[in-house]
């Protein structure tokens, strides 16, 4: 499964919408995604499972790239 992770790069800062970034990660569960990202210092705001037409839309977007952790 592919998950889209919304995050802030620095966990110690207050989340600001304009600084929110997104990355795509392949994993079996949301818990696995969070384990992969633990220790990287990100402030994870939301993890969203992508499937169906929404996944197709994201894959056709120019910023789509699976991250390897």
PDB file of N, CA and C in Angstrom:
ATOM      1  N   UNK A   1       0.832  -1.179   0.000  1.00  0.00           N
ATOM      2  CA  UNK A   1       0.000   0.000   0.000  1.00  0.00           C
ATOM      3  C   UNK A   1       0.877   1.242   0.000  1.00  0.00           C
ATOM      4  N   UNK A   2       0.329   2.282  -0.549  1.00  0.00           N
ATOM      5  CA  UNK A   2       1.025   3.567  -0.597  1.00  0.00           C
ATOM      6  C   UNK A   2       0.341   4.520   0.381  1.00  0.00           C
ATOM      7  N   UNK A   3       1.154   5.209   1.161  1.00  0.00           N
ATOM      8  CA  UNK A   3       0.649   6.183   2.121  1.00  0.00           C
ATOM      9  C   UNK A   3       1.241   7.552   1.804  1.00  0.00           C
ATOM     10  N   UNK A   4       0.427   8.577   1.987  1.00  0.00           N
ATOM     11  CA  UNK A   4       0.886   9.953   1.864  1.00  0.00           C
ATOM     12  C   UNK A   4       1.019  10.508   3.269  1.00  0.00           C
ATOM     13  N   UNK A   5       2.197  11.020   3.582  1.00  0.00           N
ATOM     14  CA  UNK A   5       2.486  11.524   4.918  1.00  0.00           C
ATOM     15  C   UNK A   5       2.634  13.035   4.854  1.00  0.00           C
ATOM     16  N   UNK A   6       1.821  13.718   5.629  1.00  0.00           N
ATOM     17  CA  UNK A   6       1.931  15.173   5.764  1.00  0.00           C
ATOM     18  C   UNK A   6       2.768  15.429   7.010  1.00  0.00           C
ATOM     19  N   UNK A   7       3.797  16.270   6.882  1.00  0.00           N
ATOM     20  CA  UNK A   7       4.713  16.442   7.999  1.00  0.00           C
ATOM     21  C   UNK A   7       5.367  17.821   7.990  1.00  0.00           C
ATOM     22  N   UNK A   8       5.935  18.168   9.124  1.00  0.00           N
ATOM     23  CA  UNK A   8       6.793  19.338   9.276  1.00  0.00           C
ATOM     24  C   UNK A   8       8.209  18.794   9.437  1.00  0.00           C
ATOM     25  N   UNK A   9       9.187  19.460   8.874  1.00  0.00           N
ATOM     26  CA  UNK A   9      10.556  18.960   8.928  1.00  0.00           C
ATOM     27  C   UNK A   9      11.164  19.009  10.323  1.00  0.00           C
ATOM     28  N   UNK A  10      10.738  19.963  11.150  1.00  0.00           N
ATOM     29  CA  UNK A  10      11.304  20.109  12.487  1.00  0.00           C
ATOM     30  C   UNK A  10      10.203  19.894  13.524  1.00  0.00           C
ATOM     31  N   UNK A  11      10.377  18.855  14.326  1.00  0.00           N
ATOM     32  CA  UNK A  11       9.343  18.496  15.304  1.00  0.00           C
ATOM     33  C   UNK A  11       9.221  19.509  16.436  1.00  0.00           C
ATOM     34  N   UNK A  12      10.268  20.276  16.696  1.00  0.00           N
ATOM     35  CA  UNK A  12      10.235  21.209  17.821  1.00  0.00           C
ATOM     36  C   UNK A  12       9.513  22.520  17.505  1.00  0.00           C
ATOM     37  N   UNK A  13       9.206  22.776  16.233  1.00  0.00           N
ATOM     38  CA  UNK A  13       8.507  24.003  15.860  1.00  0.00           C
ATOM     39  C   UNK A  13       7.001  23.798  15.858  1.00  0.00           C
ATOM     40  N   UNK A  14       6.285  24.879  16.040  1.00  0.00           N
ATOM     41  CA  UNK A  14       4.829  24.846  15.973  1.00  0.00           C
ATOM     42  C   UNK A  14       4.425  24.591  14.519  1.00  0.00           C
ATOM     43  N   UNK A  15       3.514  23.633  14.268  1.00  0.00           N
ATOM     44  CA  UNK A  15       3.089  23.364  12.892  1.00  0.00           C
ATOM     45  C   UNK A  15       2.426  24.584  12.249  1.00  0.00           C
ATOM     46  N   UNK A  16       2.851  24.894  11.037  1.00  0.00           N
ATOM     47  CA  UNK A  16       2.300  25.994  10.257  1.00  0.00           C
ATOM     48  C   UNK A  16       1.943  25.417   8.893  1.00  0.00           C
ATOM     49  N   UNK A  17       0.718  25.633   8.457  1.00  0.00           N
ATOM     50  CA  UNK A  17       0.231  25.041   7.211  1.00  0.00           C
ATOM     51  C   UNK A  17       1.165  25.300   6.031  1.00  0.00           C
ATOM     52  N   UNK A  18       1.693  26.497   5.942  1.00  0.00           N
ATOM     53  CA  UNK A  18       2.542  26.858   4.808  1.00  0.00           C
ATOM     54  C   UNK A  18       3.859  26.077   4.789  1.00  0.00           C
ATOM     55  N   UNK A  19       4.251  25.511   5.911  1.00  0.00           N
ATOM     56  CA  UNK A  19       5.494  24.742   5.982  1.00  0.00           C
ATOM     57  C   UNK A  19       5.252  23.234   5.905  1.00  0.00           C
ATOM     58  N   UNK A  20       4.008  22.821   5.774  1.00  0.00           N
ATOM     59  CA  UNK A  20       3.693  21.398   5.701  1.00  0.00           C
ATOM     60  C   UNK A  20       4.161  20.834   4.367  1.00  0.00           C
ATOM     61  N   UNK A  21       4.826  19.695   4.448  1.00  0.00           N
ATOM     62  CA  UNK A  21       5.306  18.997   3.257  1.00  0.00           C
ATOM     63  C   UNK A  21       4.643  17.633   3.195  1.00  0.00           C
ATOM     64  N   UNK A  22       4.807  16.962   2.073  1.00  0.00           N
ATOM     65  CA  UNK A  22       4.219  15.633   1.910  1.00  0.00           C
ATOM     66  C   UNK A  22       5.243  14.695   1.292  1.00  0.00           C
ATOM     67  N   UNK A  23       5.166  13.422   1.688  1.00  0.00           N
ATOM     68  CA  UNK A  23       5.997  12.392   1.078  1.00  0.00           C
ATOM     69  C   UNK A  23       5.158  11.135   0.923  1.00  0.00           C
ATOM     70  N   UNK A  24       5.590  10.258   0.052  1.00  0.00           N
ATOM     71  CA  UNK A  24       4.878   9.016  -0.237  1.00  0.00           C
ATOM     72  C   UNK A  24       5.751   7.848   0.183  1.00  0.00           C
ATOM     73  N   UNK A  25       5.146   6.928   0.933  1.00  0.00           N
ATOM     74  CA  UNK A  25       5.881   5.779   1.457  1.00  0.00           C
ATOM     75  C   UNK A  25       5.068   4.514   1.216  1.00  0.00           C
ATOM     76  N   UNK A  26       5.762   3.448   0.852  1.00  0.00           N
ATOM     77  CA  UNK A  26       5.120   2.152   0.678  1.00  0.00           C
ATOM     78  C   UNK A  26       5.279   1.357   1.965  1.00  0.00           C
ATOM     79  N   UNK A  27       4.165   0.853   2.494  1.00  0.00           N
ATOM     80  CA  UNK A  27       4.161   0.067   3.725  1.00  0.00           C
ATOM     81  C   UNK A  27       2.859  -0.728   3.793  1.00  0.00           C
ATOM     82  N   UNK A  28       2.811  -1.655   4.739  1.00  0.00           N
ATOM     83  CA  UNK A  28       1.601  -2.469   4.918  1.00  0.00           C
ATOM     84  C   UNK A  28       0.550  -1.768   5.787  1.00  0.00           C
ATOM     85  N   UNK A  29       1.018  -0.996   6.775  1.00  0.00           N
ATOM     86  CA  UNK A  29       0.087  -0.342   7.697  1.00  0.00           C
ATOM     87  C   UNK A  29       0.578   1.066   8.033  1.00  0.00           C
ATOM     88  N   UNK A  30      -0.314   1.861   8.611  1.00  0.00           N
ATOM     89  CA  UNK A  30       0.070   3.197   9.073  1.00  0.00           C
ATOM     90  C   UNK A  30       1.121   3.091  10.170  1.00  0.00           C
ATOM     91  N   UNK A  31       0.989   2.095  11.032  1.00  0.00           N
ATOM     92  CA  UNK A  31       1.956   1.890  12.109  1.00  0.00           C
ATOM     93  C   UNK A  31       3.359   1.650  11.545  1.00  0.00           C
ATOM     94  N   UNK A  32       3.454   0.878  10.474  1.00  0.00           N
ATOM     95  CA  UNK A  32       4.741   0.623   9.838  1.00  0.00           C
ATOM     96  C   UNK A  32       5.344   1.911   9.276  1.00  0.00           C
ATOM     97  N   UNK A  33       4.502   2.761   8.711  1.00  0.00           N
ATOM     98  CA  UNK A  33       4.962   4.059   8.202  1.00  0.00           C
ATOM     99  C   UNK A  33       5.555   4.865   9.345  1.00  0.00           C
ATOM    100  N   UNK A  34       4.844   4.948  10.448  1.00  0.00           N
ATOM    101  CA  UNK A  34       5.316   5.729  11.596  1.00  0.00           C
ATOM    102  C   UNK A  34       6.616   5.165  12.159  1.00  0.00           C
ATOM    103  N   UNK A  35       6.753   3.831  12.171  1.00  0.00           N
ATOM    104  CA  UNK A  35       7.999   3.212  12.644  1.00  0.00           C
ATOM    105  C   UNK A  35       9.161   3.557  11.719  1.00  0.00           C
ATOM    106  N   UNK A  36       8.914   3.539  10.400  1.00  0.00           N
ATOM    107  CA  UNK A  36       9.961   3.878   9.446  1.00  0.00           C
ATOM    108  C   UNK A  36      10.452   5.310   9.630  1.00  0.00           C
ATOM    109  N   UNK A  37       9.544   6.209  10.002  1.00  0.00           N
ATOM    110  CA  UNK A  37       9.887   7.625  10.114  1.00  0.00           C
ATOM    111  C   UNK A  37      10.355   8.029  11.506  1.00  0.00           C
ATOM    112  N   UNK A  38      10.179   7.159  12.491  1.00  0.00           N
ATOM    113  CA  UNK A  38      10.610   7.512  13.842  1.00  0.00           C
ATOM    114  C   UNK A  38      12.127   7.675  13.848  1.00  0.00           C
ATOM    115  N   UNK A  39      12.579   8.647  14.567  1.00  0.00           N
ATOM    116  CA  UNK A  39      14.010   8.901  14.643  1.00  0.00           C
ATOM    117  C   UNK A  39      14.536   9.856  13.580  1.00  0.00           C
ATOM    118  N   UNK A  40      13.678  10.318  12.680  1.00  0.00           N
ATOM    119  CA  UNK A  40      14.110  11.253  11.648  1.00  0.00           C
ATOM    120  C   UNK A  40      13.814  12.699  12.017  1.00  0.00           C
ATOM    121  N   UNK A  41      13.156  12.933  13.145  1.00  0.00           N
ATOM    122  CA  UNK A  41      12.904  14.286  13.620  1.00  0.00           C
ATOM    123  C   UNK A  41      11.741  15.003  12.963  1.00  0.00           C
ATOM    124  N   UNK A  42      10.890  14.262  12.245  1.00  0.00           N
ATOM    125  CA  UNK A  42       9.732  14.874  11.611  1.00  0.00           C
ATOM    126  C   UNK A  42       8.581  15.008  12.602  1.00  0.00           C
ATOM    127  N   UNK A  43       7.763  16.032  12.404  1.00  0.00           N
ATOM    128  CA  UNK A  43       6.509  16.176  13.126  1.00  0.00           C
ATOM    129  C   UNK A  43       5.422  15.688  12.164  1.00  0.00           C
ATOM    130  N   UNK A  44       4.976  14.453  12.341  1.00  0.00           N
ATOM    131  CA  UNK A  44       3.989  13.874  11.433  1.00  0.00           C
ATOM    132  C   UNK A  44       2.613  14.402  11.806  1.00  0.00           C
ATOM    133  N   UNK A  45       1.972  15.068  10.855  1.00  0.00           N
ATOM    134  CA  UNK A  45       0.647  15.618  11.084  1.00  0.00           C
ATOM    135  C   UNK A  45      -0.451  14.619  10.755  1.00  0.00           C
ATOM    136  N   UNK A  46      -0.278  13.898   9.630  1.00  0.00           N
ATOM    137  CA  UNK A  46      -1.353  13.015   9.168  1.00  0.00           C
ATOM    138  C   UNK A  46      -0.773  11.978   8.223  1.00  0.00           C
ATOM    139  N   UNK A  47      -1.255  10.738   8.330  1.00  0.00           N
ATOM    140  CA  UNK A  47      -0.868   9.665   7.419  1.00  0.00           C
ATOM    141  C   UNK A  47      -2.135   9.188   6.726  1.00  0.00           C
ATOM    142  N   UNK A  48      -2.128   9.228   5.402  1.00  0.00           N
ATOM    143  CA  UNK A  48      -3.318   8.903   4.624  1.00  0.00           C
ATOM    144  C   UNK A  48      -3.019   7.757   3.657  1.00  0.00           C
ATOM    145  N   UNK A  49      -3.841   6.711   3.695  1.00  0.00           N
ATOM    146  CA  UNK A  49      -3.690   5.604   2.765  1.00  0.00           C
ATOM    147  C   UNK A  49      -4.261   6.023   1.417  1.00  0.00           C
ATOM    148  N   UNK A  50      -3.489   5.793   0.358  1.00  0.00           N
ATOM    149  CA  UNK A  50      -3.930   6.142  -0.987  1.00  0.00           C
ATOM    150  C   UNK A  50      -4.338   4.877  -1.720  1.00  0.00           C
ATOM    151  N   UNK A  51      -5.506   4.936  -2.357  1.00  0.00           N
ATOM    152  CA  UNK A  51      -5.962   3.792  -3.148  1.00  0.00           C
ATOM    153  C   UNK A  51      -6.943   4.275  -4.207  1.00  0.00           C
ATOM    154  N   UNK A  52      -7.150   3.443  -5.202  1.00  0.00           N
ATOM    155  CA  UNK A  52      -8.124   3.748  -6.240  1.00  0.00           C
ATOM    156  C   UNK A  52      -7.762   4.972  -7.056  1.00  0.00           C
ATOM    157  N   UNK A  53      -8.768   5.754  -7.379  1.00  0.00           N
ATOM    158  CA  UNK A  53      -8.606   6.932  -8.230  1.00  0.00           C
ATOM    159  C   UNK A  53      -7.711   7.994  -7.587  1.00  0.00           C
ATOM    160  N   UNK A  54      -7.770   8.100  -6.254  1.00  0.00           N
ATOM    161  CA  UNK A  54      -6.928   9.086  -5.579  1.00  0.00           C
ATOM    162  C   UNK A  54      -5.450   8.718  -5.739  1.00  0.00           C
ATOM    163  N   UNK A  55      -5.120   7.433  -5.647  1.00  0.00           N
ATOM    164  CA  UNK A  55      -3.746   6.980  -5.863  1.00  0.00           C
ATOM    165  C   UNK A  55      -3.322   7.267  -7.300  1.00  0.00           C
ATOM    166  N   UNK A  56      -4.188   6.987  -8.249  1.00  0.00           N
ATOM    167  CA  UNK A  56      -3.878   7.269  -9.658  1.00  0.00           C
ATOM    168  C   UNK A  56      -3.599   8.756  -9.863  1.00  0.00           C
ATOM    169  N   UNK A  57      -4.423   9.599  -9.261  1.00  0.00           N
ATOM    170  CA  UNK A  57      -4.241  11.045  -9.370  1.00  0.00           C
ATOM    171  C   UNK A  57      -2.875  11.448  -8.815  1.00  0.00           C
ATOM    172  N   UNK A  58      -2.540  10.964  -7.627  1.00  0.00           N
ATOM    173  CA  UNK A  58      -1.266  11.315  -6.995  1.00  0.00           C
ATOM    174  C   UNK A  58      -0.087  10.814  -7.823  1.00  0.00           C
ATOM    175  N   UNK A  59      -0.192   9.625  -8.402  1.00  0.00           N
ATOM    176  CA  UNK A  59       0.894   9.065  -9.200  1.00  0.00           C
ATOM    177  C   UNK A  59       1.137   9.876 -10.465  1.00  0.00           C
ATOM    178  N   UNK A  60       0.117  10.536 -10.977  1.00  0.00           N
ATOM    179  CA  UNK A  60       0.258  11.362 -12.165  1.00  0.00           C
ATOM    180  C   UNK A  60       0.734  12.780 -11.852  1.00  0.00           C
ATOM    181  N   UNK A  61       0.846  13.110 -10.579  1.00  0.00           N
ATOM    182  CA  UNK A  61       1.293  14.429 -10.148  1.00  0.00           C
ATOM    183  C   UNK A  61       2.810  14.501 -10.283  1.00  0.00           C
ATOM    184  N   UNK A  62       3.322  15.651 -10.655  1.00  0.00           N
ATOM    185  CA  UNK A  62       4.757  15.791 -10.901  1.00  0.00           C
ATOM    186  C   UNK A  62       5.626  15.597  -9.653  1.00  0.00           C
ATOM    187  N   UNK A  63       5.075  15.786  -8.454  1.00  0.00           N
ATOM    188  CA  UNK A  63       5.858  15.638  -7.226  1.00  0.00           C
ATOM    189  C   UNK A  63       5.815  14.238  -6.645  1.00  0.00           C
ATOM    190  N   UNK A  64       5.165  13.302  -7.323  1.00  0.00           N
ATOM    191  CA  UNK A  64       5.037  11.953  -6.786  1.00  0.00           C
ATOM    192  C   UNK A  64       6.370  11.205  -6.900  1.00  0.00           C
ATOM    193  N   UNK A  65       6.883  10.780  -5.743  1.00  0.00           N
ATOM    194  CA  UNK A  65       8.089   9.968  -5.700  1.00  0.00           C
ATOM    195  C   UNK A  65       8.070   9.172  -4.396  1.00  0.00           C
ATOM    196  N   UNK A  66       8.193   7.856  -4.511  1.00  0.00           N
ATOM    197  CA  UNK A  66       8.220   7.015  -3.317  1.00  0.00           C
ATOM    198  C   UNK A  66       9.543   7.199  -2.592  1.00  0.00           C
ATOM    199  N   UNK A  67       9.455   7.444  -1.295  1.00  0.00           N
ATOM    200  CA  UNK A  67      10.654   7.603  -0.462  1.00  0.00           C
ATOM    201  C   UNK A  67      11.063   6.236   0.078  1.00  0.00           C
ATOM    202  N   UNK A  68      12.350   6.028   0.228  1.00  0.00           N
ATOM    203  CA  UNK A  68      12.878   4.781   0.771  1.00  0.00           C
ATOM    204  C   UNK A  68      13.457   5.043   2.164  1.00  0.00           C
ATOM    205  N   UNK A  69      12.936   4.345   3.149  1.00  0.00           N
ATOM    206  CA  UNK A  69      13.452   4.460   4.513  1.00  0.00           C
ATOM    207  C   UNK A  69      13.805   3.096   5.024  1.00  0.00           C
TER     208      UNK A  69
END
